[in-house]
Amino acid sequence: MHNKPKISVIIPALNEEESIGLVLRDIPEDVVNEVIVVDNGSRDNTAAVAKRSGARVISESSKGYGSACLSGISRLKQDTDIVVFLDADYSDYPQDIHSLLRPLREDKAEFVIGSRLSGTREKGALLPQALFGNKLAAFLIRLFWGFKYTDLGPFRAIKYKDLINLNMKDKNFGWTVEMQIKAIKKGLRIMEVPVRYRKRIGKSKITGTISGTIRAGAKIIYTIIKYSFLR
């Protein structure tokens, strides 16, 4: 990879007008070439705030985290070298992009996950149900594929050509674990790096509700089981 790889950041967003401006403000301009905010049907001013903050905003009417990510990928230019996925709720520290990019720029990995569990977390930032779900998913992946992850954290970076080769499909809660399983199956060099994590702005649409937690947990387990049979 050449010395100045082209870095694109994809941020799925749904009703995050209070936080999206802060996220965009803290993204390091010295390394990132473009930021795509995918408005996934917000009923507030998320899109307007993102545009004012300098992001390229696209709309995706099909609801779902995976749908938003797929839409963002479809708008990337083919000269992109690395794609970073980042949440819009300001729970991650965008400045930690430097840590995610380092192994990729040094050609030590093709796929890097920001691990909240090995990093520094603000008390209460990861709810008990999220911690349990992460540990269960990590256990099942290690059981089926022998690879040890610590987290399903959405803050991640991957080389563009490898992302395209993963042929991602999931349109909602199974997106992150699908990527991690396919990365193992494709033989990518995978690394986790510690990242900081704080309480999000606003209420989580997944772990913030009982129904969201159940649906997300069921989909993640289903995805792991499904790919265990597609060997």
C-alpha atoms as a PDB file:
ATOM      1  CA  MET A   1       0.000   0.000   0.000  1.00  0.00           C
ATOM      2  CA  HIS A   2       1.311   3.448  -0.913  1.00  0.00           C
ATOM      3  CA  ASN A   3       2.300   5.938   1.766  1.00  0.00           C
ATOM      4  CA  LYS A   4      -0.909   7.968   1.674  1.00  0.00           C
ATOM      5  CA  PRO A   5      -3.781   5.504   1.357  1.00  0.00           C
ATOM      6  CA  LYS A   6      -7.213   6.917   0.626  1.00  0.00           C
ATOM      7  CA  ILE A   7      -9.374   6.513   3.737  1.00  0.00           C
ATOM      8  CA  SER A   8     -13.170   6.604   3.635  1.00  0.00           C
ATOM      9  CA  VAL A   9     -15.376   6.584   6.736  1.00  0.00           C
ATOM     10  CA  ILE A  10     -18.932   5.227   6.642  1.00  0.00           C
ATOM     11  CA  ILE A  11     -21.304   6.287   9.440  1.00  0.00           C
ATOM     12  CA  PRO A  12     -24.805   4.759   9.563  1.00  0.00           C
ATOM     13  CA  ALA A  13     -27.132   7.200  11.339  1.00  0.00           C
ATOM     14  CA  LEU A  14     -30.718   7.115  12.575  1.00  0.00           C
ATOM     15  CA  ASN A  15     -32.036  10.057  14.602  1.00  0.00           C
ATOM     16  CA  GLU A  16     -28.621  11.151  15.852  1.00  0.00           C
ATOM     17  CA  GLU A  17     -28.828  14.946  15.414  1.00  0.00           C
ATOM     18  CA  GLU A  18     -27.427  15.568  18.903  1.00  0.00           C
ATOM     19  CA  SER A  19     -24.315  13.469  18.379  1.00  0.00           C
ATOM     20  CA  ILE A  20     -23.439  13.332  14.679  1.00  0.00           C
ATOM     21  CA  GLY A  21     -21.866  16.800  14.656  1.00  0.00           C
ATOM     22  CA  LEU A  22     -19.556  15.836  17.527  1.00  0.00           C
ATOM     23  CA  VAL A  23     -18.544  12.621  15.770  1.00  0.00           C
ATOM     24  CA  LEU A  24     -17.713  14.481  12.559  1.00  0.00           C
ATOM     25  CA  ARG A  25     -15.858  17.195  14.438  1.00  0.00           C
ATOM     26  CA  ASP A  26     -13.521  14.670  16.056  1.00  0.00           C
ATOM     27  CA  ILE A  27     -12.631  12.661  12.950  1.00  0.00           C
ATOM     28  CA  PRO A  28      -8.937  13.359  12.209  1.00  0.00           C
ATOM     29  CA  GLU A  29      -8.803  15.384   9.003  1.00  0.00           C
ATOM     30  CA  ASP A  30      -5.126  14.593   8.488  1.00  0.00           C
ATOM     31  CA  VAL A  31      -5.809  10.961   7.562  1.00  0.00           C
ATOM     32  CA  VAL A  32      -9.428  10.762   6.364  1.00  0.00           C
ATOM     33  CA  ASN A  33     -10.263  11.677   2.761  1.00  0.00           C
ATOM     34  CA  GLU A  34     -14.044  11.433   2.843  1.00  0.00           C
ATOM     35  CA  VAL A  35     -16.856  10.791   5.292  1.00  0.00           C
ATOM     36  CA  ILE A  36     -20.145   9.276   4.170  1.00  0.00           C
ATOM     37  CA  VAL A  37     -23.078   9.562   6.560  1.00  0.00           C
ATOM     38  CA  VAL A  38     -25.896   7.192   5.632  1.00  0.00           C
ATOM     39  CA  ASP A  39     -29.186   8.610   6.868  1.00  0.00           C
ATOM     40  CA  ASN A  40     -31.300   5.541   7.539  1.00  0.00           C
ATOM     41  CA  GLY A  41     -34.683   7.281   7.656  1.00  0.00           C
ATOM     42  CA  SER A  42     -34.100   9.825  10.433  1.00  0.00           C
ATOM     43  CA  ARG A  43     -37.087  11.866  11.569  1.00  0.00           C
ATOM     44  CA  ASP A  44     -34.897  14.599  13.031  1.00  0.00           C
ATOM     45  CA  ASN A  45     -32.180  16.877  11.620  1.00  0.00           C
ATOM     46  CA  THR A  46     -29.433  14.262  11.421  1.00  0.00           C
ATOM     47  CA  ALA A  47     -28.909  14.750   7.677  1.00  0.00           C
ATOM     48  CA  ALA A  48     -28.831  18.549   7.887  1.00  0.00           C
ATOM     49  CA  VAL A  49     -26.341  18.561  10.775  1.00  0.00           C
ATOM     50  CA  ALA A  50     -24.119  16.058   8.959  1.00  0.00           C
ATOM     51  CA  LYS A  51     -24.112  18.170   5.790  1.00  0.00           C
ATOM     52  CA  ARG A  52     -23.243  21.319   7.737  1.00  0.00           C
ATOM     53  CA  SER A  53     -20.391  19.413   9.349  1.00  0.00           C
ATOM     54  CA  GLY A  54     -18.879  18.559   5.974  1.00  0.00           C
ATOM     55  CA  ALA A  55     -19.982  14.964   5.425  1.00  0.00           C
ATOM     56  CA  ARG A  56     -21.352  13.542   2.208  1.00  0.00           C
ATOM     57  CA  VAL A  57     -24.875  12.480   3.138  1.00  0.00           C
ATOM     58  CA  ILE A  58     -26.776   9.741   1.362  1.00  0.00           C
ATOM     59  CA  SER A  59     -30.205   8.349   2.174  1.00  0.00           C
ATOM     60  CA  GLU A  60     -31.145   4.701   2.626  1.00  0.00           C
ATOM     61  CA  SER A  61     -34.845   4.066   3.178  1.00  0.00           C
ATOM     62  CA  SER A  62     -34.496   0.340   3.893  1.00  0.00           C
ATOM     63  CA  LYS A  63     -34.141   0.184   7.651  1.00  0.00           C
ATOM     64  CA  GLY A  64     -31.317  -1.722   9.273  1.00  0.00           C
ATOM     65  CA  TYR A  65     -27.701  -1.191  10.283  1.00  0.00           C
ATOM     66  CA  GLY A  66     -26.484  -3.555   7.586  1.00  0.00           C
ATOM     67  CA  SER A  67     -28.636  -1.871   4.947  1.00  0.00           C
ATOM     68  CA  ALA A  68     -27.070   1.478   5.789  1.00  0.00           C
ATOM     69  CA  CYS A  69     -23.546   0.046   5.665  1.00  0.00           C
ATOM     70  CA  LEU A  70     -24.205  -1.668   2.318  1.00  0.00           C
ATOM     71  CA  SER A  71     -25.560   1.572   0.915  1.00  0.00           C
ATOM     72  CA  GLY A  72     -22.439   3.420   2.035  1.00  0.00           C
ATOM     73  CA  ILE A  73     -20.182   0.783   0.467  1.00  0.00           C
ATOM     74  CA  SER A  74     -22.043   1.081  -2.842  1.00  0.00           C
ATOM     75  CA  ARG A  75     -21.149   4.795  -2.975  1.00  0.00           C
ATOM     76  CA  LEU A  76     -17.425   4.343  -2.374  1.00  0.00           C
ATOM     77  CA  LYS A  77     -15.030   5.166  -5.168  1.00  0.00           C
ATOM     78  CA  GLN A  78     -12.918   2.305  -6.444  1.00  0.00           C
ATOM     79  CA  ASP A  79      -9.676   4.098  -5.600  1.00  0.00           C
ATOM     80  CA  THR A  80     -10.520   3.817  -1.891  1.00  0.00           C
ATOM     81  CA  ASP A  81      -7.832   1.908   0.015  1.00  0.00           C
ATOM     82  CA  ILE A  82      -9.314   1.526   3.509  1.00  0.00           C
ATOM     83  CA  VAL A  83     -12.870   1.744   4.806  1.00  0.00           C
ATOM     84  CA  VAL A  84     -13.618   2.673   8.417  1.00  0.00           C
ATOM     85  CA  PHE A  85     -17.018   2.000   9.993  1.00  0.00           C
ATOM     86  CA  LEU A  86     -17.989   4.252  12.889  1.00  0.00           C
ATOM     87  CA  ASP A  87     -21.214   4.720  14.855  1.00  0.00           C
ATOM     88  CA  ALA A  88     -23.035   8.043  14.955  1.00  0.00           C
ATOM     89  CA  ASP A  89     -23.829   8.084  18.678  1.00  0.00           C
ATOM     90  CA  TYR A  90     -20.462   9.459  19.909  1.00  0.00           C
ATOM     91  CA  SER A  91     -19.785   6.416  22.082  1.00  0.00           C
ATOM     92  CA  ASP A  92     -16.512   5.743  20.279  1.00  0.00           C
ATOM     93  CA  TYR A  93     -13.649   8.219  20.120  1.00  0.00           C
ATOM     94  CA  PRO A  94     -13.147   9.082  16.427  1.00  0.00           C
ATOM     95  CA  GLN A  95      -9.577  10.103  17.266  1.00  0.00           C
ATOM     96  CA  ASP A  96      -8.819   6.413  17.808  1.00  0.00           C
ATOM     97  CA  ILE A  97      -9.007   5.933  14.027  1.00  0.00           C
ATOM     98  CA  HIS A  98      -5.222   6.349  14.135  1.00  0.00           C
ATOM     99  CA  SER A  99      -4.933   3.138  16.186  1.00  0.00           C
ATOM    100  CA  LEU A 100      -7.168   1.186  13.799  1.00  0.00           C
ATOM    101  CA  LEU A 101      -5.346   2.369  10.706  1.00  0.00           C
ATOM    102  CA  ARG A 102      -1.809   1.713  11.897  1.00  0.00           C
ATOM    103  CA  PRO A 103      -1.758  -2.103  11.337  1.00  0.00           C
ATOM    104  CA  LEU A 104      -3.363  -1.642   7.912  1.00  0.00           C
ATOM    105  CA  ARG A 105      -0.961   1.066   6.786  1.00  0.00           C
ATOM    106  CA  GLU A 106       1.974  -1.023   7.991  1.00  0.00           C
ATOM    107  CA  ASP A 107       0.535  -4.034   6.122  1.00  0.00           C
ATOM    108  CA  LYS A 108       0.280  -6.117   9.293  1.00  0.00           C
ATOM    109  CA  ALA A 109      -3.444  -6.789   8.853  1.00  0.00           C
ATOM    110  CA  GLU A 110      -6.312  -6.547   6.385  1.00  0.00           C
ATOM    111  CA  PHE A 111      -9.027  -6.167   9.021  1.00  0.00           C
ATOM    112  CA  VAL A 112      -8.837  -4.338  12.362  1.00  0.00           C
ATOM    113  CA  ILE A 113     -11.522  -4.195  15.055  1.00  0.00           C
ATOM    114  CA  GLY A 114     -11.620  -1.626  17.809  1.00  0.00           C
ATOM    115  CA  SER A 115     -12.077  -3.659  20.983  1.00  0.00           C
ATOM    116  CA  ARG A 116     -14.067  -1.921  23.683  1.00  0.00           C
ATOM    117  CA  LEU A 117     -13.489  -4.795  26.085  1.00  0.00           C
ATOM    118  CA  SER A 118      -9.698  -4.536  25.973  1.00  0.00           C
ATOM    119  CA  GLY A 119      -9.773  -0.740  25.926  1.00  0.00           C
ATOM    120  CA  THR A 120     -10.834   1.858  28.480  1.00  0.00           C
ATOM    121  CA  ARG A 121     -14.573   2.043  29.086  1.00  0.00           C
ATOM    122  CA  GLU A 122     -16.581   4.664  30.912  1.00  0.00           C
ATOM    123  CA  LYS A 123     -18.616   3.074  33.667  1.00  0.00           C
ATOM    124  CA  GLY A 124     -22.026   2.059  32.322  1.00  0.00           C
ATOM    125  CA  ALA A 125     -21.043   2.601  28.682  1.00  0.00           C
ATOM    126  CA  LEU A 126     -21.522  -1.061  27.822  1.00  0.00           C
ATOM    127  CA  LEU A 127     -24.764  -2.359  29.289  1.00  0.00           C
ATOM    128  CA  PRO A 128     -24.767  -5.829  30.936  1.00  0.00           C
ATOM    129  CA  GLN A 129     -26.781  -7.337  28.087  1.00  0.00           C
ATOM    130  CA  ALA A 130     -24.260  -6.023  25.557  1.00  0.00           C
ATOM    131  CA  LEU A 131     -21.351  -7.448  27.546  1.00  0.00           C
ATOM    132  CA  PHE A 132     -23.052 -10.832  27.816  1.00  0.00           C
ATOM    133  CA  GLY A 133     -23.919 -10.877  24.113  1.00  0.00           C
ATOM    134  CA  ASN A 134     -20.357 -10.045  23.113  1.00  0.00           C
ATOM    135  CA  LYS A 135     -18.898 -12.758  25.299  1.00  0.00           C
ATOM    136  CA  LEU A 136     -21.381 -15.362  24.049  1.00  0.00           C
ATOM    137  CA  ALA A 137     -20.756 -14.493  20.409  1.00  0.00           C
ATOM    138  CA  ALA A 138     -16.984 -14.520  20.912  1.00  0.00           C
ATOM    139  CA  PHE A 139     -17.240 -17.937  22.618  1.00  0.00           C
ATOM    140  CA  LEU A 140     -19.286 -19.412  19.756  1.00  0.00           C
ATOM    141  CA  ILE A 141     -16.925 -18.061  17.090  1.00  0.00           C
ATOM    142  CA  ARG A 142     -13.957 -19.535  18.924  1.00  0.00           C
ATOM    143  CA  LEU A 143     -15.835 -22.839  19.293  1.00  0.00           C
ATOM    144  CA  PHE A 144     -16.646 -23.119  15.594  1.00  0.00           C
ATOM    145  CA  TRP A 145     -13.605 -21.480  13.990  1.00  0.00           C
ATOM    146  CA  GLY A 146     -10.887 -21.435  16.639  1.00  0.00           C
ATOM    147  CA  PHE A 147     -10.338 -17.688  16.400  1.00  0.00           C
ATOM    148  CA  LYS A 148     -10.419 -15.556  19.523  1.00  0.00           C
ATOM    149  CA  TYR A 149     -12.262 -12.252  19.274  1.00  0.00           C
ATOM    150  CA  THR A 150     -12.986 -10.154  22.352  1.00  0.00           C
ATOM    151  CA  ASP A 151     -15.623  -7.877  20.854  1.00  0.00           C
ATOM    152  CA  LEU A 152     -18.158  -7.328  18.072  1.00  0.00           C
ATOM    153  CA  GLY A 153     -17.441  -3.614  18.207  1.00  0.00           C
ATOM    154  CA  PRO A 154     -18.805  -1.640  15.241  1.00  0.00           C
ATOM    155  CA  PHE A 155     -15.721   0.634  15.151  1.00  0.00           C
ATOM    156  CA  ARG A 156     -13.566  -1.177  12.585  1.00  0.00           C
ATOM    157  CA  ALA A 157     -11.353  -0.707   9.546  1.00  0.00           C
ATOM    158  CA  ILE A 158     -10.765  -2.975   6.565  1.00  0.00           C
ATOM    159  CA  LYS A 159      -8.928  -2.775   3.273  1.00  0.00           C
ATOM    160  CA  TYR A 160     -11.391  -1.923   0.520  1.00  0.00           C
ATOM    161  CA  LYS A 161     -10.548  -4.836  -1.788  1.00  0.00           C
ATOM    162  CA  ASP A 162     -10.951  -7.315   1.078  1.00  0.00           C
ATOM    163  CA  LEU A 163     -14.266  -5.755   2.110  1.00  0.00           C
ATOM    164  CA  ILE A 164     -15.611  -6.195  -1.421  1.00  0.00           C
ATOM    165  CA  ASN A 165     -14.396  -9.815  -1.488  1.00  0.00           C
ATOM    166  CA  LEU A 166     -16.338 -10.567   1.695  1.00  0.00           C
ATOM    167  CA  ASN A 167     -19.560 -10.070  -0.289  1.00  0.00           C
ATOM    168  CA  MET A 168     -21.457  -8.764   2.730  1.00  0.00           C
ATOM    169  CA  LYS A 169     -25.190  -9.504   2.797  1.00  0.00           C
ATOM    170  CA  ASP A 170     -26.746  -8.950   6.229  1.00  0.00           C
ATOM    171  CA  LYS A 171     -29.088  -5.976   6.413  1.00  0.00           C
ATOM    172  CA  ASN A 172     -29.519  -5.583  10.170  1.00  0.00           C
ATOM    173  CA  PHE A 173     -28.182  -6.931  13.463  1.00  0.00           C
ATOM    174  CA  GLY A 174     -25.962  -9.662  11.994  1.00  0.00           C
ATOM    175  CA  TRP A 175     -23.727  -7.279  10.045  1.00  0.00           C
ATOM    176  CA  THR A 176     -20.768  -7.069  12.426  1.00  0.00           C
ATOM    177  CA  VAL A 177     -20.579 -10.777  13.201  1.00  0.00           C
ATOM    178  CA  GLU A 178     -21.017 -11.696   9.525  1.00  0.00           C
ATOM    179  CA  MET A 179     -17.973  -9.587   8.679  1.00  0.00           C
ATOM    180  CA  GLN A 180     -15.908 -11.172  11.446  1.00  0.00           C
ATOM    181  CA  ILE A 181     -16.835 -14.720  10.460  1.00  0.00           C
ATOM    182  CA  LYS A 182     -16.240 -14.132   6.764  1.00  0.00           C
ATOM    183  CA  ALA A 183     -12.879 -12.525   7.517  1.00  0.00           C
ATOM    184  CA  ILE A 184     -11.817 -15.741   9.264  1.00  0.00           C
ATOM    185  CA  LYS A 185     -13.151 -17.929   6.464  1.00  0.00           C
ATOM    186  CA  LYS A 186     -11.353 -15.824   3.833  1.00  0.00           C
ATOM    187  CA  GLY A 187      -8.084 -16.083   5.735  1.00  0.00           C
ATOM    188  CA  LEU A 188      -7.648 -12.364   6.321  1.00  0.00           C
ATOM    189  CA  ARG A 189      -5.046 -11.183   8.784  1.00  0.00           C
ATOM    190  CA  ILE A 190      -7.177  -9.909  11.667  1.00  0.00           C
ATOM    191  CA  MET A 191      -6.158  -7.732  14.588  1.00  0.00           C
ATOM    192  CA  GLU A 192      -7.955  -6.149  17.504  1.00  0.00           C
ATOM    193  CA  VAL A 193      -6.737  -2.891  18.993  1.00  0.00           C
ATOM    194  CA  PRO A 194      -7.952  -1.346  22.269  1.00  0.00           C
ATOM    195  CA  VAL A 195     -10.250   1.648  21.861  1.00  0.00           C
ATOM    196  CA  ARG A 196     -11.895   3.993  24.327  1.00  0.00           C
ATOM    197  CA  TYR A 197     -15.634   3.875  24.862  1.00  0.00           C
ATOM    198  CA  ARG A 198     -18.096   6.177  26.626  1.00  0.00           C
ATOM    199  CA  LYS A 199     -21.813   6.409  27.238  1.00  0.00           C
ATOM    200  CA  ARG A 200     -23.591   7.161  24.015  1.00  0.00           C
ATOM    201  CA  ILE A 201     -25.661  10.292  23.466  1.00  0.00           C
ATOM    202  CA  GLY A 202     -29.318   9.280  23.488  1.00  0.00           C
ATOM    203  CA  LYS A 203     -30.834   5.841  23.938  1.00  0.00           C
ATOM    204  CA  SER A 204     -29.513   2.779  22.157  1.00  0.00           C
ATOM    205  CA  LYS A 205     -31.881   1.428  19.520  1.00  0.00           C
ATOM    206  CA  ILE A 206     -30.656  -2.104  20.186  1.00  0.00           C
ATOM    207  CA  THR A 207     -29.523  -2.703  23.768  1.00  0.00           C
ATOM    208  CA  GLY A 208     -31.611   0.206  25.034  1.00  0.00           C
ATOM    209  CA  THR A 209     -34.797  -1.821  24.780  1.00  0.00           C
ATOM    210  CA  ILE A 210     -35.718  -5.378  25.764  1.00  0.00           C
ATOM    211  CA  SER A 211     -37.166  -6.163  22.335  1.00  0.00           C
ATOM    212  CA  GLY A 212     -34.113  -4.727  20.568  1.00  0.00           C
ATOM    213  CA  THR A 213     -31.770  -6.759  22.746  1.00  0.00           C
ATOM    214  CA  ILE A 214     -33.682  -9.990  22.086  1.00  0.00           C
ATOM    215  CA  ARG A 215     -33.915  -9.428  18.336  1.00  0.00           C
ATOM    216  CA  ALA A 216     -30.251  -8.482  18.018  1.00  0.00           C
ATOM    217  CA  GLY A 217     -29.086 -11.384  20.161  1.00  0.00           C
ATOM    218  CA  ALA A 218     -31.199 -13.885  18.250  1.00  0.00           C
ATOM    219  CA  LYS A 219     -29.948 -12.616  14.891  1.00  0.00           C
ATOM    220  CA  ILE A 220     -26.305 -12.711  15.963  1.00  0.00           C
ATOM    221  CA  ILE A 221     -26.594 -16.293  17.222  1.00  0.00           C
ATOM    222  CA  TYR A 222     -28.529 -17.296  14.094  1.00  0.00           C
ATOM    223  CA  THR A 223     -25.808 -15.798  11.892  1.00  0.00           C
ATOM    224  CA  ILE A 224     -23.048 -17.661  13.733  1.00  0.00           C
ATOM    225  CA  ILE A 225     -24.927 -20.976  13.509  1.00  0.00           C
ATOM    226  CA  LYS A 226     -25.758 -20.404   9.826  1.00  0.00           C
ATOM    227  CA  TYR A 227     -22.154 -19.850   8.820  1.00  0.00           C
ATOM    228  CA  SER A 228     -20.989 -22.787  10.906  1.00  0.00           C
ATOM    229  CA  PHE A 229     -22.911 -25.010   8.460  1.00  0.00           C
ATOM    230  CA  LEU A 230     -21.563 -23.180   5.386  1.00  0.00           C
ATOM    231  CA  ARG A 231     -18.034 -24.410   5.686  1.00  0.00           C
END
